[in-house]
Amino acid sequence: MAFKVKGKVKSGKGTRGGSPSKVKCVKVWTTWAMKKAKLIVHWGFIPLVIVVGMNSEPKPPLSQLLSPV
């Protein structure tokens, strides 16, 4: 079983070693950003619908917004 080490990885000399670490950094960052976006959308969608419903005309009571019918 291999363990991953967090932090900067030092590579060889020159520009040769710099490119793969930049690509890995971008992949890690985009994965992190997508996980956070998924979490925000997952937990924020229903409250957003309730807030938009409360600000619409005619103003329904909260119980009417939360009922399935």
PDB file of N, CA and C in Angstrom:
ATOM      1  N   MET A   1       0.849  -1.176   0.000  1.00  0.00           N
ATOM      2  CA  MET A   1       0.000   0.000   0.000  1.00  0.00           C
ATOM      3  C   MET A   1       0.889   1.231   0.000  1.00  0.00           C
ATOM      4  N   ALA A   2       0.660   2.125  -0.936  1.00  0.00           N
ATOM      5  CA  ALA A   2       1.489   3.318  -1.056  1.00  0.00           C
ATOM      6  C   ALA A   2       0.757   4.511  -0.456  1.00  0.00           C
ATOM      7  N   PHE A   3       1.502   5.362   0.200  1.00  0.00           N
ATOM      8  CA  PHE A   3       0.940   6.565   0.788  1.00  0.00           C
ATOM      9  C   PHE A   3       1.328   7.760  -0.049  1.00  0.00           C
ATOM     10  N   LYS A   4       0.389   8.675  -0.236  1.00  0.00           N
ATOM     11  CA  LYS A   4       0.675   9.889  -0.996  1.00  0.00           C
ATOM     12  C   LYS A   4       1.155  10.967  -0.047  1.00  0.00           C
ATOM     13  N   VAL A   5       2.157  11.706  -0.487  1.00  0.00           N
ATOM     14  CA  VAL A   5       2.716  12.775   0.321  1.00  0.00           C
ATOM     15  C   VAL A   5       2.212  14.102  -0.239  1.00  0.00           C
ATOM     16  N   LYS A   6       1.632  14.916   0.620  1.00  0.00           N
ATOM     17  CA  LYS A   6       1.147  16.223   0.195  1.00  0.00           C
ATOM     18  C   LYS A   6       2.295  17.224   0.219  1.00  0.00           C
ATOM     19  N   GLY A   7       2.199  18.212  -0.634  1.00  0.00           N
ATOM     20  CA  GLY A   7       3.219  19.250  -0.656  1.00  0.00           C
ATOM     21  C   GLY A   7       3.846  19.358  -2.025  1.00  0.00           C
ATOM     22  N   LYS A   8       4.858  20.186  -2.132  1.00  0.00           N
ATOM     23  CA  LYS A   8       5.535  20.398  -3.401  1.00  0.00           C
ATOM     24  C   LYS A   8       6.473  19.231  -3.694  1.00  0.00           C
ATOM     25  N   VAL A   9       6.509  18.886  -4.954  1.00  0.00           N
ATOM     26  CA  VAL A   9       7.395  17.820  -5.385  1.00  0.00           C
ATOM     27  C   VAL A   9       8.554  18.452  -6.142  1.00  0.00           C
ATOM     28  N   LYS A  10       9.764  18.158  -5.719  1.00  0.00           N
ATOM     29  CA  LYS A  10      10.939  18.688  -6.407  1.00  0.00           C
ATOM     30  C   LYS A  10      11.337  17.704  -7.485  1.00  0.00           C
ATOM     31  N   SER A  11      11.526  18.227  -8.681  1.00  0.00           N
ATOM     32  CA  SER A  11      11.883  17.357  -9.789  1.00  0.00           C
ATOM     33  C   SER A  11      13.285  17.708 -10.285  1.00  0.00           C
ATOM     34  N   GLY A  12      13.649  17.117 -11.406  1.00  0.00           N
ATOM     35  CA  GLY A  12      14.992  17.277 -11.969  1.00  0.00           C
ATOM     36  C   GLY A  12      15.314  18.689 -12.389  1.00  0.00           C
ATOM     37  N   LYS A  13      16.441  18.837 -13.056  1.00  0.00           N
ATOM     38  CA  LYS A  13      16.929  20.152 -13.474  1.00  0.00           C
ATOM     39  C   LYS A  13      16.228  20.625 -14.737  1.00  0.00           C
ATOM     40  N   GLY A  14      16.239  21.923 -14.952  1.00  0.00           N
ATOM     41  CA  GLY A  14      15.748  22.513 -16.190  1.00  0.00           C
ATOM     42  C   GLY A  14      14.232  22.587 -16.275  1.00  0.00           C
ATOM     43  N   THR A  15      13.758  22.901 -17.493  1.00  0.00           N
ATOM     44  CA  THR A  15      12.322  23.053 -17.715  1.00  0.00           C
ATOM     45  C   THR A  15      11.638  21.716 -17.916  1.00  0.00           C
ATOM     46  N   ARG A  16      12.400  20.690 -18.128  1.00  0.00           N
ATOM     47  CA  ARG A  16      11.842  19.375 -18.370  1.00  0.00           C
ATOM     48  C   ARG A  16      10.961  18.898 -17.211  1.00  0.00           C
ATOM     49  N   GLY A  17      11.407  19.069 -15.990  1.00  0.00           N
ATOM     50  CA  GLY A  17      10.666  18.613 -14.826  1.00  0.00           C
ATOM     51  C   GLY A  17       9.561  19.563 -14.406  1.00  0.00           C
ATOM     52  N   GLY A  18       9.578  20.812 -14.882  1.00  0.00           N
ATOM     53  CA  GLY A  18       8.587  21.791 -14.467  1.00  0.00           C
ATOM     54  C   GLY A  18       7.231  21.578 -15.083  1.00  0.00           C
ATOM     55  N   SER A  19       7.171  21.107 -16.295  1.00  0.00           N
ATOM     56  CA  SER A  19       5.907  20.976 -17.003  1.00  0.00           C
ATOM     57  C   SER A  19       4.972  19.941 -16.379  1.00  0.00           C
ATOM     58  N   PRO A  20       5.436  18.723 -16.097  1.00  0.00           N
ATOM     59  CA  PRO A  20       4.503  17.749 -15.511  1.00  0.00           C
ATOM     60  C   PRO A  20       3.958  18.179 -14.152  1.00  0.00           C
ATOM     61  N   SER A  21       4.767  18.882 -13.351  1.00  0.00           N
ATOM     62  CA  SER A  21       4.262  19.300 -12.054  1.00  0.00           C
ATOM     63  C   SER A  21       3.194  20.381 -12.207  1.00  0.00           C
ATOM     64  N   LYS A  22       3.323  21.220 -13.234  1.00  0.00           N
ATOM     65  CA  LYS A  22       2.291  22.232 -13.481  1.00  0.00           C
ATOM     66  C   LYS A  22       0.990  21.576 -13.919  1.00  0.00           C
ATOM     67  N   VAL A  23       1.114  20.561 -14.760  1.00  0.00           N
ATOM     68  CA  VAL A  23      -0.073  19.845 -15.214  1.00  0.00           C
ATOM     69  C   VAL A  23      -0.740  19.150 -14.030  1.00  0.00           C
ATOM     70  N   LYS A  24       0.057  18.534 -13.176  1.00  0.00           N
ATOM     71  CA  LYS A  24      -0.488  17.863 -12.001  1.00  0.00           C
ATOM     72  C   LYS A  24      -1.152  18.870 -11.063  1.00  0.00           C
ATOM     73  N   CYS A  25      -0.534  20.029 -10.922  1.00  0.00           N
ATOM     74  CA  CYS A  25      -1.094  21.076 -10.065  1.00  0.00           C
ATOM     75  C   CYS A  25      -2.456  21.536 -10.597  1.00  0.00           C
ATOM     76  N   VAL A  26      -2.549  21.713 -11.906  1.00  0.00           N
ATOM     77  CA  VAL A  26      -3.816  22.137 -12.515  1.00  0.00           C
ATOM     78  C   VAL A  26      -4.873  21.057 -12.329  1.00  0.00           C
ATOM     79  N   LYS A  27      -4.487  19.792 -12.502  1.00  0.00           N
ATOM     80  CA  LYS A  27      -5.449  18.701 -12.320  1.00  0.00           C
ATOM     81  C   LYS A  27      -5.945  18.635 -10.884  1.00  0.00           C
ATOM     82  N   VAL A  28      -5.038  18.789  -9.942  1.00  0.00           N
ATOM     83  CA  VAL A  28      -5.421  18.750  -8.529  1.00  0.00           C
ATOM     84  C   VAL A  28      -6.339  19.923  -8.204  1.00  0.00           C
ATOM     85  N   TRP A  29      -6.003  21.098  -8.701  1.00  0.00           N
ATOM     86  CA  TRP A  29      -6.816  22.287  -8.423  1.00  0.00           C
ATOM     87  C   TRP A  29      -8.209  22.153  -9.026  1.00  0.00           C
ATOM     88  N   THR A  30      -8.295  21.671 -10.279  1.00  0.00           N
ATOM     89  CA  THR A  30      -9.615  21.543 -10.898  1.00  0.00           C
ATOM     90  C   THR A  30     -10.453  20.479 -10.197  1.00  0.00           C
ATOM     91  N   THR A  31      -9.818  19.394  -9.764  1.00  0.00           N
ATOM     92  CA  THR A  31     -10.551  18.375  -9.015  1.00  0.00           C
ATOM     93  C   THR A  31     -11.085  18.951  -7.713  1.00  0.00           C
ATOM     94  N   TRP A  32     -10.254  19.695  -7.021  1.00  0.00           N
ATOM     95  CA  TRP A  32     -10.671  20.333  -5.764  1.00  0.00           C
ATOM     96  C   TRP A  32     -11.827  21.295  -6.024  1.00  0.00           C
ATOM     97  N   ALA A  33     -11.709  22.113  -7.063  1.00  0.00           N
ATOM     98  CA  ALA A  33     -12.749  23.101  -7.371  1.00  0.00           C
ATOM     99  C   ALA A  33     -14.068  22.421  -7.748  1.00  0.00           C
ATOM    100  N   MET A  34     -13.998  21.343  -8.511  1.00  0.00           N
ATOM    101  CA  MET A  34     -15.219  20.651  -8.904  1.00  0.00           C
ATOM    102  C   MET A  34     -15.896  19.980  -7.708  1.00  0.00           C
ATOM    103  N   LYS A  35     -15.114  19.443  -6.781  1.00  0.00           N
ATOM    104  CA  LYS A  35     -15.704  18.857  -5.578  1.00  0.00           C
ATOM    105  C   LYS A  35     -16.410  19.910  -4.748  1.00  0.00           C
ATOM    106  N   LYS A  36     -15.788  21.082  -4.614  1.00  0.00           N
ATOM    107  CA  LYS A  36     -16.421  22.167  -3.852  1.00  0.00           C
ATOM    108  C   LYS A  36     -17.675  22.664  -4.552  1.00  0.00           C
ATOM    109  N   ALA A  37     -17.633  22.792  -5.883  1.00  0.00           N
ATOM    110  CA  ALA A  37     -18.806  23.247  -6.636  1.00  0.00           C
ATOM    111  C   ALA A  37     -19.951  22.248  -6.514  1.00  0.00           C
ATOM    112  N   LYS A  38     -19.630  20.963  -6.564  1.00  0.00           N
ATOM    113  CA  LYS A  38     -20.659  19.929  -6.421  1.00  0.00           C
ATOM    114  C   LYS A  38     -21.317  20.014  -5.051  1.00  0.00           C
ATOM    115  N   LEU A  39     -20.520  20.212  -4.023  1.00  0.00           N
ATOM    116  CA  LEU A  39     -21.037  20.326  -2.666  1.00  0.00           C
ATOM    117  C   LEU A  39     -21.953  21.549  -2.529  1.00  0.00           C
ATOM    118  N   ILE A  40     -21.523  22.669  -3.078  1.00  0.00           N
ATOM    119  CA  ILE A  40     -22.317  23.908  -2.992  1.00  0.00           C
ATOM    120  C   ILE A  40     -23.642  23.749  -3.737  1.00  0.00           C
ATOM    121  N   VAL A  41     -23.595  23.175  -4.938  1.00  0.00           N
ATOM    122  CA  VAL A  41     -24.834  22.988  -5.705  1.00  0.00           C
ATOM    123  C   VAL A  41     -25.743  21.989  -5.005  1.00  0.00           C
ATOM    124  N   HIS A  42     -25.164  20.924  -4.466  1.00  0.00           N
ATOM    125  CA  HIS A  42     -25.966  19.896  -3.804  1.00  0.00           C
ATOM    126  C   HIS A  42     -26.729  20.457  -2.615  1.00  0.00           C
ATOM    127  N   TRP A  43     -26.066  21.222  -1.775  1.00  0.00           N
ATOM    128  CA  TRP A  43     -26.698  21.726  -0.561  1.00  0.00           C
ATOM    129  C   TRP A  43     -27.362  23.091  -0.745  1.00  0.00           C
ATOM    130  N   GLY A  44     -27.116  23.770  -1.841  1.00  0.00           N
ATOM    131  CA  GLY A  44     -27.666  25.105  -2.014  1.00  0.00           C
ATOM    132  C   GLY A  44     -28.849  25.210  -2.950  1.00  0.00           C
ATOM    133  N   PHE A  45     -29.183  24.136  -3.668  1.00  0.00           N
ATOM    134  CA  PHE A  45     -30.248  24.239  -4.673  1.00  0.00           C
ATOM    135  C   PHE A  45     -31.618  24.447  -4.057  1.00  0.00           C
ATOM    136  N   ILE A  46     -32.006  23.621  -3.101  1.00  0.00           N
ATOM    137  CA  ILE A  46     -33.337  23.735  -2.485  1.00  0.00           C
ATOM    138  C   ILE A  46     -33.504  25.069  -1.743  1.00  0.00           C
ATOM    139  N   PRO A  47     -32.520  25.508  -0.929  1.00  0.00           N
ATOM    140  CA  PRO A  47     -32.674  26.830  -0.317  1.00  0.00           C
ATOM    141  C   PRO A  47     -32.789  27.957  -1.351  1.00  0.00           C
ATOM    142  N   LEU A  48     -32.092  27.820  -2.478  1.00  0.00           N
ATOM    143  CA  LEU A  48     -32.215  28.827  -3.536  1.00  0.00           C
ATOM    144  C   LEU A  48     -33.626  28.848  -4.106  1.00  0.00           C
ATOM    145  N   VAL A  49     -34.199  27.677  -4.329  1.00  0.00           N
ATOM    146  CA  VAL A  49     -35.577  27.605  -4.851  1.00  0.00           C
ATOM    147  C   VAL A  49     -36.551  28.226  -3.856  1.00  0.00           C
ATOM    148  N   ILE A  50     -36.366  27.980  -2.572  1.00  0.00           N
ATOM    149  CA  ILE A  50     -37.256  28.553  -1.550  1.00  0.00           C
ATOM    150  C   ILE A  50     -37.127  30.066  -1.526  1.00  0.00           C
ATOM    151  N   VAL A  51     -35.905  30.593  -1.589  1.00  0.00           N
ATOM    152  CA  VAL A  51     -35.698  32.045  -1.564  1.00  0.00           C
ATOM    153  C   VAL A  51     -36.308  32.693  -2.797  1.00  0.00           C
ATOM    154  N   VAL A  52     -36.125  32.091  -3.957  1.00  0.00           N
ATOM    155  CA  VAL A  52     -36.715  32.653  -5.177  1.00  0.00           C
ATOM    156  C   VAL A  52     -38.240  32.596  -5.093  1.00  0.00           C
ATOM    157  N   GLY A  53     -38.781  31.505  -4.551  1.00  0.00           N
ATOM    158  CA  GLY A  53     -40.229  31.397  -4.399  1.00  0.00           C
ATOM    159  C   GLY A  53     -40.792  32.411  -3.426  1.00  0.00           C
ATOM    160  N   MET A  54     -40.038  32.710  -2.369  1.00  0.00           N
ATOM    161  CA  MET A  54     -40.501  33.695  -1.377  1.00  0.00           C
ATOM    162  C   MET A  54     -40.488  35.115  -1.941  1.00  0.00           C
ATOM    163  N   ASN A  55     -39.643  35.358  -2.921  1.00  0.00           N
ATOM    164  CA  ASN A  55     -39.543  36.709  -3.484  1.00  0.00           C
ATOM    165  C   ASN A  55     -40.382  36.894  -4.732  1.00  0.00           C
ATOM    166  N   SER A  56     -41.183  35.903  -5.103  1.00  0.00           N
ATOM    167  CA  SER A  56     -42.009  36.024  -6.300  1.00  0.00           C
ATOM    168  C   SER A  56     -43.369  36.621  -5.948  1.00  0.00           C
ATOM    169  N   GLU A  57     -44.075  37.041  -6.961  1.00  0.00           N
ATOM    170  CA  GLU A  57     -45.432  37.572  -6.780  1.00  0.00           C
ATOM    171  C   GLU A  57     -46.419  36.548  -7.275  1.00  0.00           C
ATOM    172  N   PRO A  58     -47.503  36.282  -6.654  1.00  0.00           N
ATOM    173  CA  PRO A  58     -47.903  36.659  -5.307  1.00  0.00           C
ATOM    174  C   PRO A  58     -47.063  35.910  -4.274  1.00  0.00           C
ATOM    175  N   LYS A  59     -46.881  36.504  -3.116  1.00  0.00           N
ATOM    176  CA  LYS A  59     -46.018  35.939  -2.091  1.00  0.00           C
ATOM    177  C   LYS A  59     -46.736  34.795  -1.368  1.00  0.00           C
ATOM    178  N   PRO A  60     -46.288  33.556  -1.611  1.00  0.00           N
ATOM    179  CA  PRO A  60     -46.913  32.421  -0.933  1.00  0.00           C
ATOM    180  C   PRO A  60     -46.357  32.245   0.478  1.00  0.00           C
ATOM    181  N   PRO A  61     -47.128  31.657   1.378  1.00  0.00           N
ATOM    182  CA  PRO A  61     -46.578  31.345   2.694  1.00  0.00           C
ATOM    183  C   PRO A  61     -45.546  30.223   2.579  1.00  0.00           C
ATOM    184  N   LEU A  62     -44.675  30.132   3.562  1.00  0.00           N
ATOM    185  CA  LEU A  62     -43.595  29.137   3.561  1.00  0.00           C
ATOM    186  C   LEU A  62     -44.147  27.716   3.525  1.00  0.00           C
ATOM    187  N   SER A  63     -45.271  27.483   4.219  1.00  0.00           N
ATOM    188  CA  SER A  63     -45.869  26.151   4.230  1.00  0.00           C
ATOM    189  C   SER A  63     -46.319  25.732   2.830  1.00  0.00           C
ATOM    190  N   GLN A  64     -46.793  26.660   2.052  1.00  0.00           N
ATOM    191  CA  GLN A  64     -47.219  26.353   0.679  1.00  0.00           C
ATOM    192  C   GLN A  64     -46.007  26.054  -0.202  1.00  0.00           C
ATOM    193  N   LEU A  65     -44.907  26.724   0.041  1.00  0.00           N
ATOM    194  CA  LEU A  65     -43.696  26.454  -0.736  1.00  0.00           C
ATOM    195  C   LEU A  65     -43.114  25.088  -0.429  1.00  0.00           C
ATOM    196  N   LEU A  66     -43.198  24.660   0.816  1.00  0.00           N
ATOM    197  CA  LEU A  66     -42.588  23.401   1.229  1.00  0.00           C
ATOM    198  C   LEU A  66     -43.476  22.189   0.974  1.00  0.00           C
ATOM    199  N   SER A  67     -44.751  22.396   0.715  1.00  0.00           N
ATOM    200  CA  SER A  67     -45.652  21.261   0.486  1.00  0.00           C
ATOM    201  C   SER A  67     -45.405  20.690  -0.915  1.00  0.00           C
ATOM    202  N   PRO A  68     -45.547  19.375  -1.086  1.00  0.00           N
ATOM    203  CA  PRO A  68     -45.274  18.779  -2.385  1.00  0.00           C
ATOM    204  C   PRO A  68     -46.345  19.039  -3.435  1.00  0.00           C
ATOM    205  N   VAL A  69     -47.516  19.482  -3.036  1.00  0.00           N
ATOM    206  CA  VAL A  69     -48.605  19.700  -3.984  1.00  0.00           C
ATOM    207  C   VAL A  69     -48.720  21.136  -4.364  1.00  0.00           C
TER     208      VAL A  69
END
